[in-house]
N, C-alpha and C. Protein backbone atom coordinates (compact mmCIF):
# COMPACT_ATOMS: atom_id res chain seq x y z
N MET A 1 130.80 -109.86 82.59
CA MET A 1 130.11 -108.86 83.31
C MET A 1 129.98 -107.33 82.44
N ASN A 2 129.17 -106.92 82.50
CA ASN A 2 129.15 -105.63 81.68
C ASN A 2 129.67 -104.72 82.68
N GLN A 3 129.93 -103.20 81.73
CA GLN A 3 130.83 -102.46 82.30
C GLN A 3 129.91 -101.97 83.78
N LYS A 4 128.80 -101.78 83.76
CA LYS A 4 127.74 -100.96 84.85
C LYS A 4 127.99 -102.30 86.27
N ALA A 5 127.98 -103.53 86.09
CA ALA A 5 128.10 -104.88 86.96
C ALA A 5 129.87 -104.64 87.76
N ALA A 6 130.45 -104.29 86.43
CA ALA A 6 131.73 -104.49 86.99
C ALA A 6 132.17 -103.17 88.08
N ALA A 7 131.67 -102.11 87.87
CA ALA A 7 131.74 -101.07 88.23
C ALA A 7 130.96 -101.22 90.10
N GLN A 8 129.64 -101.77 90.07
CA GLN A 8 129.01 -102.04 90.80
C GLN A 8 129.84 -103.04 92.06
N ALA A 9 130.54 -104.15 91.45
CA ALA A 9 131.04 -104.93 92.40
C ALA A 9 132.45 -104.22 93.05
N ALA A 10 133.29 -103.47 92.01
CA ALA A 10 134.26 -102.54 92.23
C ALA A 10 133.94 -102.12 93.65
N ALA A 11 132.79 -101.03 93.52
CA ALA A 11 132.19 -100.20 94.34
C ALA A 11 131.81 -100.91 95.83
N ARG A 12 131.34 -102.19 95.52
CA ARG A 12 131.06 -102.66 97.16
C ARG A 12 132.31 -103.52 97.81
N GLU A 13 133.29 -103.57 96.87
CA GLU A 13 134.80 -104.24 97.32
C GLU A 13 135.18 -103.04 98.32
N LYS A 14 135.09 -101.44 97.79
CA LYS A 14 135.39 -100.47 98.49
C LYS A 14 134.67 -99.84 99.79
N GLY A 15 133.64 -100.60 99.80
CA GLY A 15 132.79 -100.65 101.09
C GLY A 15 131.87 -99.40 100.55
N SER A 16 131.54 -99.03 99.61
CA SER A 16 130.46 -98.10 99.00
C SER A 16 128.96 -98.60 99.24
N PHE A 17 128.10 -97.86 99.29
CA PHE A 17 126.70 -97.89 99.02
C PHE A 17 125.92 -99.17 98.26
N LEU A 18 125.22 -99.83 99.08
CA LEU A 18 124.34 -101.28 98.83
C LEU A 18 124.17 -101.62 97.38
N THR A 19 123.45 -101.16 96.34
CA THR A 19 123.60 -101.85 94.86
C THR A 19 122.82 -100.68 94.06
N ASP A 20 122.66 -101.24 92.96
CA ASP A 20 122.22 -100.24 91.94
C ASP A 20 120.63 -100.09 91.77
N ILE A 21 120.73 -98.66 92.05
CA ILE A 21 118.99 -98.41 92.77
C ILE A 21 117.97 -98.68 91.46
N GLU A 22 118.22 -98.45 90.21
CA GLU A 22 117.62 -99.00 89.44
C GLU A 22 117.13 -100.41 89.63
N GLU A 23 117.96 -101.74 90.06
CA GLU A 23 117.43 -102.68 89.92
C GLU A 23 117.02 -102.65 91.33
N LEU A 24 116.99 -102.20 92.42
CA LEU A 24 116.21 -101.96 93.58
C LEU A 24 114.71 -101.48 93.38
N ARG A 25 114.70 -100.56 92.54
CA ARG A 25 113.16 -100.19 91.99
C ARG A 25 112.78 -101.21 91.21
N ARG A 26 113.15 -102.13 90.40
CA ARG A 26 112.76 -103.02 89.70
C ARG A 26 112.09 -104.32 90.51
N ARG A 27 112.91 -104.48 91.35
CA ARG A 27 112.84 -105.87 92.52
C ARG A 27 111.60 -105.14 93.40
N ALA A 28 111.31 -103.99 93.67
CA ALA A 28 110.27 -103.43 94.27
C ALA A 28 108.98 -103.65 93.91
N ARG A 29 108.93 -103.39 92.48
CA ARG A 29 107.74 -103.17 91.77
C ARG A 29 107.09 -104.85 91.76
N GLN A 30 108.36 -105.44 91.18
CA GLN A 30 107.86 -106.97 90.58
C GLN A 30 107.40 -107.56 91.64
N HIS A 31 107.98 -107.68 92.49
CA HIS A 31 107.47 -108.16 93.91
C HIS A 31 106.59 -107.37 95.13
N ILE A 32 105.88 -106.39 94.53
CA ILE A 32 105.11 -105.57 95.22
C ILE A 32 104.22 -106.32 96.32
N MET A 33 103.64 -107.73 95.79
CA MET A 33 102.46 -107.94 96.63
C MET A 33 103.19 -109.03 97.95
N GLU A 34 104.41 -108.89 97.92
CA GLU A 34 105.01 -109.60 99.19
C GLU A 34 105.14 -108.47 100.55
N GLY A 35 104.74 -106.99 100.17
CA GLY A 35 104.77 -106.21 101.30
C GLY A 35 106.18 -106.02 102.38
N ALA A 36 106.10 -106.13 102.93
CA ALA A 36 107.67 -105.85 103.67
C ALA A 36 108.79 -107.36 103.52
N VAL A 37 107.84 -107.93 103.08
CA VAL A 37 109.24 -109.22 102.86
C VAL A 37 109.93 -109.07 101.28
N THR A 38 111.19 -108.56 101.38
CA THR A 38 112.01 -108.61 100.28
C THR A 38 113.08 -109.56 100.07
N ALA A 39 113.47 -109.51 99.23
CA ALA A 39 114.34 -110.44 98.80
C ALA A 39 115.76 -110.72 99.79
N ASP A 40 115.77 -109.42 99.91
CA ASP A 40 116.97 -109.65 101.41
C ASP A 40 116.64 -110.02 102.54
N TYR A 41 115.42 -110.64 102.53
CA TYR A 41 114.61 -111.22 103.90
C TYR A 41 115.55 -112.63 103.98
N LYS A 42 116.71 -112.59 104.91
CA LYS A 42 117.19 -114.01 104.92
C LYS A 42 116.77 -115.14 106.07
N GLY A 43 115.58 -114.86 106.89
CA GLY A 43 115.18 -115.76 107.43
C GLY A 43 114.35 -117.25 106.75
N ASP A 44 114.00 -117.90 107.43
CA ASP A 44 113.65 -118.96 106.89
C ASP A 44 112.00 -118.78 107.88
N ARG A 45 111.15 -117.99 106.90
CA ARG A 45 109.94 -117.26 107.15
C ARG A 45 109.00 -118.52 108.32
N LYS A 46 108.67 -119.82 107.27
CA LYS A 46 108.03 -120.75 107.95
C LYS A 46 108.51 -120.66 109.37
N THR A 47 109.45 -121.03 109.66
CA THR A 47 110.24 -121.27 111.27
C THR A 47 110.08 -120.05 112.02
N VAL A 48 110.11 -119.00 111.55
CA VAL A 48 110.46 -117.55 111.93
C VAL A 48 108.52 -117.10 112.65
N LEU A 49 107.77 -117.55 111.71
CA LEU A 49 106.13 -117.16 112.08
C LEU A 49 106.21 -118.42 113.29
N ARG A 50 106.11 -119.44 113.08
CA ARG A 50 106.13 -120.67 113.79
C ARG A 50 106.53 -120.31 115.67
N VAL A 51 107.89 -119.56 115.68
CA VAL A 51 108.45 -119.41 116.53
C VAL A 51 107.85 -118.38 117.36
N LEU A 52 107.31 -116.97 116.28
CA LEU A 52 106.57 -115.91 117.04
C LEU A 52 105.06 -116.28 117.30
N ASN A 53 104.51 -117.16 116.61
CA ASN A 53 103.52 -117.48 116.92
C ASN A 53 103.64 -118.07 118.49
N GLU A 54 104.84 -118.96 118.73
CA GLU A 54 104.93 -119.58 120.29
C GLU A 54 104.85 -118.45 121.13
N ALA A 55 105.99 -117.66 120.95
CA ALA A 55 106.12 -116.08 121.63
C ALA A 55 104.93 -115.41 121.83
N LEU A 56 103.86 -115.24 120.73
CA LEU A 56 102.32 -114.78 121.04
C LEU A 56 101.55 -115.54 121.67
N ALA A 57 101.82 -116.87 121.85
CA ALA A 57 101.04 -117.87 122.94
C ALA A 57 101.73 -117.64 124.32
N THR A 58 102.84 -117.30 124.63
CA THR A 58 103.66 -117.19 125.73
C THR A 58 103.03 -115.93 126.39
N GLU A 59 103.09 -114.68 125.52
CA GLU A 59 102.34 -113.80 126.05
C GLU A 59 100.86 -113.82 126.70
N LEU A 60 100.12 -114.72 125.65
CA LEU A 60 98.92 -114.17 125.90
C LEU A 60 98.48 -115.05 127.50
N VAL A 61 99.18 -116.16 127.11
CA VAL A 61 98.88 -117.05 128.62
C VAL A 61 100.00 -116.07 129.74
N CYS A 62 100.91 -115.42 129.65
CA CYS A 62 101.20 -114.57 130.75
C CYS A 62 100.09 -113.43 131.11
N VAL A 63 99.45 -112.74 130.06
CA VAL A 63 98.11 -112.15 130.12
C VAL A 63 97.47 -112.61 131.15
N LEU A 64 96.85 -113.76 130.41
CA LEU A 64 95.72 -114.36 131.65
C LEU A 64 96.17 -114.81 132.90
N ARG A 65 97.21 -115.13 133.25
CA ARG A 65 97.72 -115.75 134.68
C ARG A 65 97.59 -114.40 135.49
N TYR A 66 98.66 -113.23 135.08
CA TYR A 66 98.78 -111.87 135.88
C TYR A 66 97.18 -111.28 135.53
N LYS A 67 96.32 -111.48 135.11
CA LYS A 67 94.88 -110.93 135.46
C LYS A 67 94.15 -111.80 136.18
N ARG A 68 94.27 -113.07 136.29
CA ARG A 68 93.76 -113.96 137.34
C ARG A 68 94.46 -113.79 138.81
N HIS A 69 95.63 -113.30 138.71
CA HIS A 69 96.77 -113.04 139.65
C HIS A 69 96.18 -111.52 140.44
N HIS A 70 95.49 -110.27 139.65
CA HIS A 70 95.33 -109.49 140.11
C HIS A 70 94.13 -109.28 140.88
N TYR A 71 93.16 -110.16 140.26
CA TYR A 71 91.96 -110.35 140.81
C TYR A 71 92.00 -111.41 142.04
N MET A 72 93.00 -112.12 142.17
CA MET A 72 92.98 -112.92 143.36
C MET A 72 93.76 -112.92 144.43
N ALA A 73 94.43 -111.55 144.33
CA ALA A 73 95.58 -111.14 145.55
C ALA A 73 94.46 -110.86 146.49
N LYS A 74 95.33 -111.73 147.58
CA LYS A 74 94.82 -111.30 148.80
C LYS A 74 95.70 -111.13 149.81
N GLY A 75 95.56 -110.67 151.04
CA GLY A 75 96.22 -110.50 152.09
C GLY A 75 96.70 -109.08 152.40
N ILE A 76 97.52 -108.74 153.34
CA ILE A 76 97.95 -107.42 153.86
C ILE A 76 98.61 -106.78 152.60
N HIS A 77 99.46 -107.17 151.77
CA HIS A 77 100.23 -106.73 150.36
C HIS A 77 99.36 -106.73 149.55
N SER A 78 98.13 -107.55 149.09
CA SER A 78 97.65 -107.79 147.97
C SER A 78 97.23 -106.59 147.61
N GLN A 79 97.14 -105.23 147.91
CA GLN A 79 96.79 -104.01 146.71
C GLN A 79 97.79 -103.89 145.98
N ALA A 80 99.35 -103.43 146.49
CA ALA A 80 100.33 -102.96 145.90
C ALA A 80 100.73 -103.98 144.80
N VAL A 81 100.52 -105.55 145.66
CA VAL A 81 101.02 -106.34 144.56
C VAL A 81 100.10 -106.64 143.20
N ALA A 82 98.98 -106.57 143.70
CA ALA A 82 97.47 -106.51 142.51
C ALA A 82 97.93 -105.58 141.44
N ALA A 83 98.10 -104.29 141.86
CA ALA A 83 98.85 -103.21 140.93
C ALA A 83 99.62 -103.75 140.12
N GLU A 84 100.80 -104.62 140.74
CA GLU A 84 102.18 -104.70 139.66
C GLU A 84 101.61 -105.73 139.11
N PHE A 85 100.64 -106.75 139.24
CA PHE A 85 99.73 -107.65 138.37
C PHE A 85 99.49 -107.34 137.19
N LEU A 86 98.40 -106.24 137.37
CA LEU A 86 97.88 -105.77 136.32
C LEU A 86 99.04 -104.90 135.48
N GLU A 87 99.86 -104.30 136.03
CA GLU A 87 100.71 -103.52 135.21
C GLU A 87 101.21 -104.51 134.36
N HIS A 88 101.78 -105.92 134.57
CA HIS A 88 102.44 -106.83 133.95
C HIS A 88 101.65 -107.01 133.05
N ALA A 89 100.63 -107.45 133.35
CA ALA A 89 99.30 -107.69 132.18
C ALA A 89 99.44 -106.76 131.42
N ALA A 90 99.13 -105.71 131.54
CA ALA A 90 99.22 -104.42 129.95
C ALA A 90 100.17 -104.72 129.52
N GLU A 91 101.68 -104.95 130.10
CA GLU A 91 103.01 -104.65 129.55
C GLU A 91 102.72 -106.02 128.11
N GLU A 92 102.15 -107.37 128.97
CA GLU A 92 102.37 -108.45 128.37
C GLU A 92 101.65 -108.20 127.28
N GLN A 93 100.47 -107.75 127.06
CA GLN A 93 99.50 -107.71 126.04
C GLN A 93 99.75 -107.00 125.11
N GLY A 94 100.47 -105.47 125.38
CA GLY A 94 101.45 -104.78 124.45
C GLY A 94 102.48 -105.61 123.43
N HIS A 95 103.22 -106.72 124.41
CA HIS A 95 104.00 -107.33 123.38
C HIS A 95 103.43 -108.41 122.88
N ALA A 96 102.15 -109.05 123.20
CA ALA A 96 101.36 -109.69 122.14
C ALA A 96 101.17 -108.91 121.03
N ASP A 97 100.56 -107.88 121.05
CA ASP A 97 100.29 -106.94 120.16
C ASP A 97 101.41 -106.63 119.18
N GLN A 98 102.37 -106.39 119.71
CA GLN A 98 103.73 -106.30 118.57
C GLN A 98 103.90 -107.58 117.95
N ILE A 99 104.04 -108.54 118.71
CA ILE A 99 104.08 -109.87 118.16
C ILE A 99 103.20 -110.37 117.25
N ALA A 100 101.93 -110.12 117.03
CA ALA A 100 100.95 -110.29 116.35
C ALA A 100 101.11 -109.27 114.97
N GLU A 101 101.52 -107.98 115.25
CA GLU A 101 101.79 -106.78 114.02
C GLU A 101 103.00 -107.48 113.21
N ARG A 102 104.17 -108.05 113.83
CA ARG A 102 105.31 -108.73 113.26
C ARG A 102 104.89 -109.89 112.18
N ILE A 103 103.93 -110.62 112.94
CA ILE A 103 103.67 -111.79 111.99
C ILE A 103 102.90 -111.44 110.45
N VAL A 104 101.95 -110.53 110.79
CA VAL A 104 101.10 -109.93 109.72
C VAL A 104 102.24 -109.58 108.84
N GLN A 105 103.46 -108.55 109.39
CA GLN A 105 104.38 -108.20 108.48
C GLN A 105 104.78 -109.06 107.43
N LEU A 106 105.09 -110.14 108.31
CA LEU A 106 105.90 -111.57 107.30
C LEU A 106 104.63 -112.32 106.94
N ASP A 107 103.51 -111.84 105.97
CA ASP A 107 102.71 -112.09 105.37
C ASP A 107 102.30 -113.62 106.24
N GLY A 108 101.85 -113.61 107.61
CA GLY A 108 101.57 -114.62 108.06
C GLY A 108 100.00 -114.00 108.59
N ALA A 109 99.71 -115.35 109.71
CA ALA A 109 98.45 -115.48 110.83
C ALA A 109 98.89 -115.29 112.73
N PRO A 110 98.69 -114.53 112.81
CA PRO A 110 98.73 -114.54 114.32
C PRO A 110 97.66 -115.59 115.02
N ASN A 111 98.46 -116.51 115.32
CA ASN A 111 97.41 -117.44 116.04
C ASN A 111 97.00 -117.32 117.46
N PHE A 112 95.39 -116.54 117.67
CA PHE A 112 95.08 -116.22 118.89
C PHE A 112 93.97 -117.29 119.19
N SER A 113 93.85 -118.39 118.72
CA SER A 113 93.16 -119.66 118.89
C SER A 113 93.90 -120.36 120.44
N PRO A 114 92.43 -119.83 120.93
CA PRO A 114 92.51 -121.14 122.65
C PRO A 114 93.18 -122.31 122.50
N GLU A 115 92.42 -122.82 121.47
CA GLU A 115 92.96 -124.35 121.46
C GLU A 115 94.07 -124.79 120.71
N GLY A 116 94.87 -124.82 121.89
CA GLY A 116 96.42 -125.50 121.75
C GLY A 116 97.39 -124.50 122.20
N MET A 117 96.43 -123.46 122.90
CA MET A 117 97.51 -122.05 123.29
C MET A 117 98.63 -122.61 124.29
N LEU A 118 98.29 -123.60 125.14
CA LEU A 118 99.05 -123.66 126.44
C LEU A 118 100.37 -124.78 125.69
N THR A 119 100.11 -125.41 124.55
CA THR A 119 100.90 -126.20 123.99
C THR A 119 101.84 -125.29 123.12
N ARG A 120 101.42 -124.10 122.58
CA ARG A 120 102.31 -123.56 121.99
C ARG A 120 103.25 -122.72 123.11
N SER A 121 102.48 -122.24 123.99
CA SER A 121 102.98 -121.13 124.80
C SER A 121 104.32 -121.99 125.54
N HIS A 122 105.24 -121.41 125.85
CA HIS A 122 107.08 -121.56 126.11
C HIS A 122 106.93 -122.05 127.99
N SER A 123 105.68 -120.76 128.44
CA SER A 123 105.04 -120.91 129.99
C SER A 123 103.90 -121.64 130.20
N GLU A 124 103.71 -122.18 131.42
CA GLU A 124 102.82 -122.91 132.00
C GLU A 124 101.61 -121.87 132.29
N TYR A 125 100.35 -122.13 132.92
CA TYR A 125 99.78 -121.32 133.25
C TYR A 125 99.02 -122.41 134.91
N LEU A 126 100.12 -121.78 135.55
CA LEU A 126 99.66 -122.43 137.11
C LEU A 126 99.41 -121.14 137.48
N GLU A 127 98.32 -121.19 138.76
CA GLU A 127 97.79 -120.32 139.47
C GLU A 127 98.29 -119.74 140.74
N GLY A 128 98.39 -120.78 141.15
CA GLY A 128 98.67 -120.37 142.62
C GLY A 128 97.77 -120.13 143.83
N GLU A 129 98.02 -120.93 144.71
CA GLU A 129 96.60 -120.31 145.68
C GLU A 129 96.83 -118.69 146.88
N THR A 130 98.01 -118.82 147.13
CA THR A 130 98.59 -117.95 148.02
C THR A 130 99.24 -116.54 147.16
N LEU A 131 99.63 -115.40 147.73
CA LEU A 131 99.80 -114.29 147.05
C LEU A 131 101.42 -114.91 146.80
N LEU A 132 102.19 -115.66 147.68
CA LEU A 132 103.37 -115.92 147.55
C LEU A 132 103.65 -116.48 146.61
N GLU A 133 102.77 -117.99 146.58
CA GLU A 133 102.49 -118.83 145.30
C GLU A 133 102.37 -118.13 143.69
N MET A 134 101.55 -116.95 144.12
CA MET A 134 101.30 -116.53 142.87
C MET A 134 102.57 -115.91 142.01
N ILE A 135 103.24 -115.19 142.88
CA ILE A 135 104.48 -114.28 142.90
C ILE A 135 105.31 -115.17 142.22
N ARG A 136 105.57 -116.45 142.97
CA ARG A 136 106.75 -117.53 142.35
C ARG A 136 106.41 -118.26 141.08
N GLU A 137 104.93 -118.25 140.93
CA GLU A 137 104.53 -118.72 139.46
C GLU A 137 104.89 -117.92 138.31
N ASP A 138 104.71 -116.48 138.70
CA ASP A 138 104.82 -115.30 137.53
C ASP A 138 106.35 -115.29 137.47
N LEU A 139 107.21 -115.08 138.86
CA LEU A 139 108.42 -115.25 138.43
C LEU A 139 109.17 -116.32 137.96
N ILE A 140 108.65 -117.83 137.89
CA ILE A 140 109.26 -118.82 136.88
C ILE A 140 108.75 -118.66 135.46
N ALA A 141 107.28 -118.04 135.28
CA ALA A 141 106.83 -117.89 134.09
C ALA A 141 108.18 -116.57 133.40
N GLU A 142 108.52 -116.00 134.06
CA GLU A 142 109.20 -115.00 133.54
C GLU A 142 110.23 -115.60 133.39
N ARG A 143 111.20 -116.02 134.02
CA ARG A 143 112.55 -116.81 133.96
C ARG A 143 112.38 -117.69 132.46
N ILE A 144 110.93 -118.49 132.34
CA ILE A 144 111.13 -119.15 131.20
C ILE A 144 111.26 -118.33 130.01
N ALA A 145 110.45 -116.91 130.16
CA ALA A 145 110.30 -116.09 128.95
C ALA A 145 111.89 -115.54 128.56
N VAL A 146 112.29 -115.22 129.20
CA VAL A 146 113.58 -114.70 129.44
C VAL A 146 114.90 -115.76 128.54
N GLU A 147 114.89 -116.84 128.84
CA GLU A 147 115.51 -117.91 128.46
C GLU A 147 114.69 -118.35 126.85
N SER A 148 113.75 -118.91 126.72
CA SER A 148 113.25 -118.89 125.43
C SER A 148 113.82 -117.68 124.61
N TYR A 149 113.60 -116.52 125.00
CA TYR A 149 113.49 -115.00 124.00
C TYR A 149 114.96 -115.08 123.46
N SER A 150 115.50 -115.50 124.90
CA SER A 150 117.29 -115.60 124.39
C SER A 150 117.54 -116.08 123.16
N GLU A 151 116.92 -117.56 123.59
CA GLU A 151 117.31 -118.19 122.32
C GLU A 151 116.44 -117.94 120.93
N ILE A 152 115.44 -117.30 121.02
CA ILE A 152 114.91 -116.94 119.44
C ILE A 152 115.79 -115.85 118.92
N ILE A 153 116.27 -114.77 119.69
CA ILE A 153 117.31 -113.75 119.50
C ILE A 153 118.07 -114.37 118.63
N ARG A 154 118.99 -115.15 119.36
CA ARG A 154 120.19 -115.79 118.90
C ARG A 154 119.84 -116.84 117.46
N TYR A 155 118.48 -117.43 117.62
CA TYR A 155 118.29 -117.80 116.08
C TYR A 155 118.16 -117.07 115.11
N LEU A 156 117.30 -115.78 115.17
CA LEU A 156 117.21 -114.83 114.17
C LEU A 156 118.04 -114.20 113.73
N GLY A 157 119.47 -113.68 114.92
CA GLY A 157 120.65 -113.29 114.40
C GLY A 157 120.32 -112.07 113.48
N ASP A 158 121.21 -112.20 112.28
CA ASP A 158 121.28 -111.15 111.19
C ASP A 158 120.37 -111.74 110.24
N ASN A 159 119.55 -112.51 110.27
CA ASN A 159 118.50 -113.00 109.34
C ASN A 159 117.43 -112.28 109.10
N ASP A 160 116.94 -111.73 110.66
CA ASP A 160 115.73 -110.70 110.30
C ASP A 160 115.75 -109.68 111.72
N PRO A 161 116.58 -109.00 111.50
CA PRO A 161 116.95 -108.05 112.41
C PRO A 161 115.89 -106.97 112.85
N THR A 162 114.32 -107.01 112.17
CA THR A 162 113.22 -106.61 112.88
C THR A 162 112.59 -107.18 113.84
N SER A 163 112.63 -108.55 113.11
CA SER A 163 111.97 -109.56 114.49
C SER A 163 112.98 -109.61 115.53
N ARG A 164 114.25 -109.45 115.54
CA ARG A 164 115.35 -109.82 116.33
C ARG A 164 114.98 -108.57 117.62
N ARG A 165 115.34 -107.38 117.03
CA ARG A 165 115.15 -106.17 117.88
C ARG A 165 113.78 -106.00 118.80
N MET A 166 112.92 -106.54 117.96
CA MET A 166 111.29 -106.45 118.73
C MET A 166 111.67 -107.54 119.71
N MET A 167 112.23 -108.33 119.60
CA MET A 167 112.26 -109.44 120.60
C MET A 167 113.17 -109.05 121.60
N GLU A 168 114.28 -108.40 121.53
CA GLU A 168 115.17 -107.87 122.57
C GLU A 168 114.83 -106.85 123.16
N GLU A 169 113.92 -105.95 122.58
CA GLU A 169 113.09 -105.24 123.71
C GLU A 169 112.09 -105.83 124.44
N ILE A 170 111.24 -106.59 124.30
CA ILE A 170 110.87 -107.70 124.92
C ILE A 170 111.22 -108.37 125.99
N LEU A 171 112.28 -108.95 125.52
CA LEU A 171 113.18 -109.45 126.51
C LEU A 171 113.81 -108.72 127.46
N ALA A 172 114.13 -107.54 127.44
CA ALA A 172 114.60 -106.42 128.56
C ALA A 172 113.42 -106.15 129.59
N LYS A 173 111.86 -106.35 129.10
CA LYS A 173 110.93 -106.19 129.84
C LYS A 173 110.90 -107.30 130.73
N GLU A 174 110.84 -108.57 129.87
CA GLU A 174 110.79 -109.42 130.61
C GLU A 174 111.52 -109.55 131.90
N GLU A 175 112.83 -109.25 131.71
CA GLU A 175 113.86 -109.08 132.44
C GLU A 175 113.21 -108.32 133.84
N GLU A 176 112.83 -107.12 133.52
CA GLU A 176 112.60 -106.22 134.28
C GLU A 176 111.50 -106.84 135.42
N HIS A 177 110.26 -107.83 134.44
CA HIS A 177 109.51 -108.25 135.25
C HIS A 177 110.38 -109.29 136.13
N ALA A 178 111.01 -110.03 135.57
CA ALA A 178 111.60 -111.09 136.72
C ALA A 178 112.41 -110.33 137.83
N GLU A 179 112.77 -109.27 137.66
CA GLU A 179 113.11 -108.34 138.65
C GLU A 179 112.34 -108.25 139.44
N ASP A 180 111.15 -107.73 139.32
CA ASP A 180 110.20 -107.06 140.06
C ASP A 180 109.43 -108.15 141.07
N MET A 181 109.48 -109.56 140.38
CA MET A 181 108.78 -110.76 140.94
C MET A 181 110.15 -110.84 142.09
N LYS A 182 111.05 -111.29 141.96
CA LYS A 182 112.15 -111.42 142.58
C LYS A 182 112.02 -110.59 143.86
N THR A 183 112.16 -109.61 143.92
CA THR A 183 112.10 -108.24 144.99
C THR A 183 110.72 -108.48 145.55
N LEU A 184 109.50 -108.71 144.91
CA LEU A 184 108.23 -108.93 145.85
C LEU A 184 108.36 -110.04 146.51
N LEU A 185 108.84 -111.31 145.99
CA LEU A 185 108.94 -112.65 146.60
C LEU A 185 109.78 -112.36 147.63
N GLU A 186 111.15 -112.02 147.80
CA GLU A 186 111.84 -111.72 148.92
C GLU A 186 111.48 -110.82 149.89
N THR A 187 110.92 -109.79 149.66
CA THR A 187 110.44 -108.71 150.50
C THR A 187 108.76 -109.23 151.19
N ILE A 188 108.00 -109.92 150.49
CA ILE A 188 107.09 -110.10 151.40
C ILE A 188 107.43 -111.73 152.16
N GLY A 189 108.18 -112.43 151.38
CA GLY A 189 108.58 -113.66 152.47
C GLY A 189 109.13 -113.59 153.46
N LYS A 190 109.86 -112.52 153.51
CA LYS A 190 110.68 -111.92 154.57
C LYS A 190 109.65 -111.26 155.67
N GLU A 191 108.77 -110.44 155.10
CA GLU A 191 107.86 -110.14 156.17
C GLU A 191 106.85 -111.23 157.10
N GLU A 192 106.35 -112.14 156.11
CA GLU A 192 105.48 -113.31 156.36
C GLU A 192 106.17 -114.09 157.38
N LYS A 193 107.74 -114.13 157.41
CA LYS A 193 108.25 -115.13 158.12
C LYS A 193 108.39 -114.36 159.49
N GLN A 194 108.56 -113.10 159.41
CA GLN A 194 108.95 -112.37 160.93
C GLN A 194 107.80 -112.68 161.21
N ARG A 195 106.28 -112.28 160.50
CA ARG A 195 105.15 -112.60 161.56
C ARG A 195 104.56 -113.78 162.28
N GLU A 196 105.19 -115.00 161.27
CA GLU A 196 105.23 -116.21 162.17
C GLU A 196 105.72 -116.41 163.20
N ARG A 197 106.41 -115.65 163.55
CA ARG A 197 107.50 -115.59 164.82
C ARG A 197 106.84 -115.63 166.10
């Protein structure tokens, strides 16, 4: 071990900053065409890309279901609930865009093909006929997203902190959506039972 390497090793042991700047610059130039994926990337890129494409399909299926529910909502509460469906559709589309951008950063290709989308998606596309059925299907889909995204976050761990943070932000929004749907289900369900009496 040369003197410079020994000094760097000693500095790391003392908790000093990361690495030899010259080496960092050399690696950046050597692997320039790998973009954001550096030697420090610890994830299994192939698996991460597959999982992110599954999350992308999940978001796109949710967009489609929420959009349908927005247009098909009928009844006394339909205007307010349809507005909630539309807001959720827009947020799910935003999630899909974030995931697609991250896939590209990892030198992958986002899979927007409708063929096989339902098999890639973790959630199902179930329409529901009544307003309550629509809300129930959306709540079920949000609960699926919460569980699967939690698992993705655990899988990514420290191996891909950027993708993990993105999925944590999306998870927080999915939890909010689930709570919104639960509240609507309780409120409208209670009111409909009272009207039936």
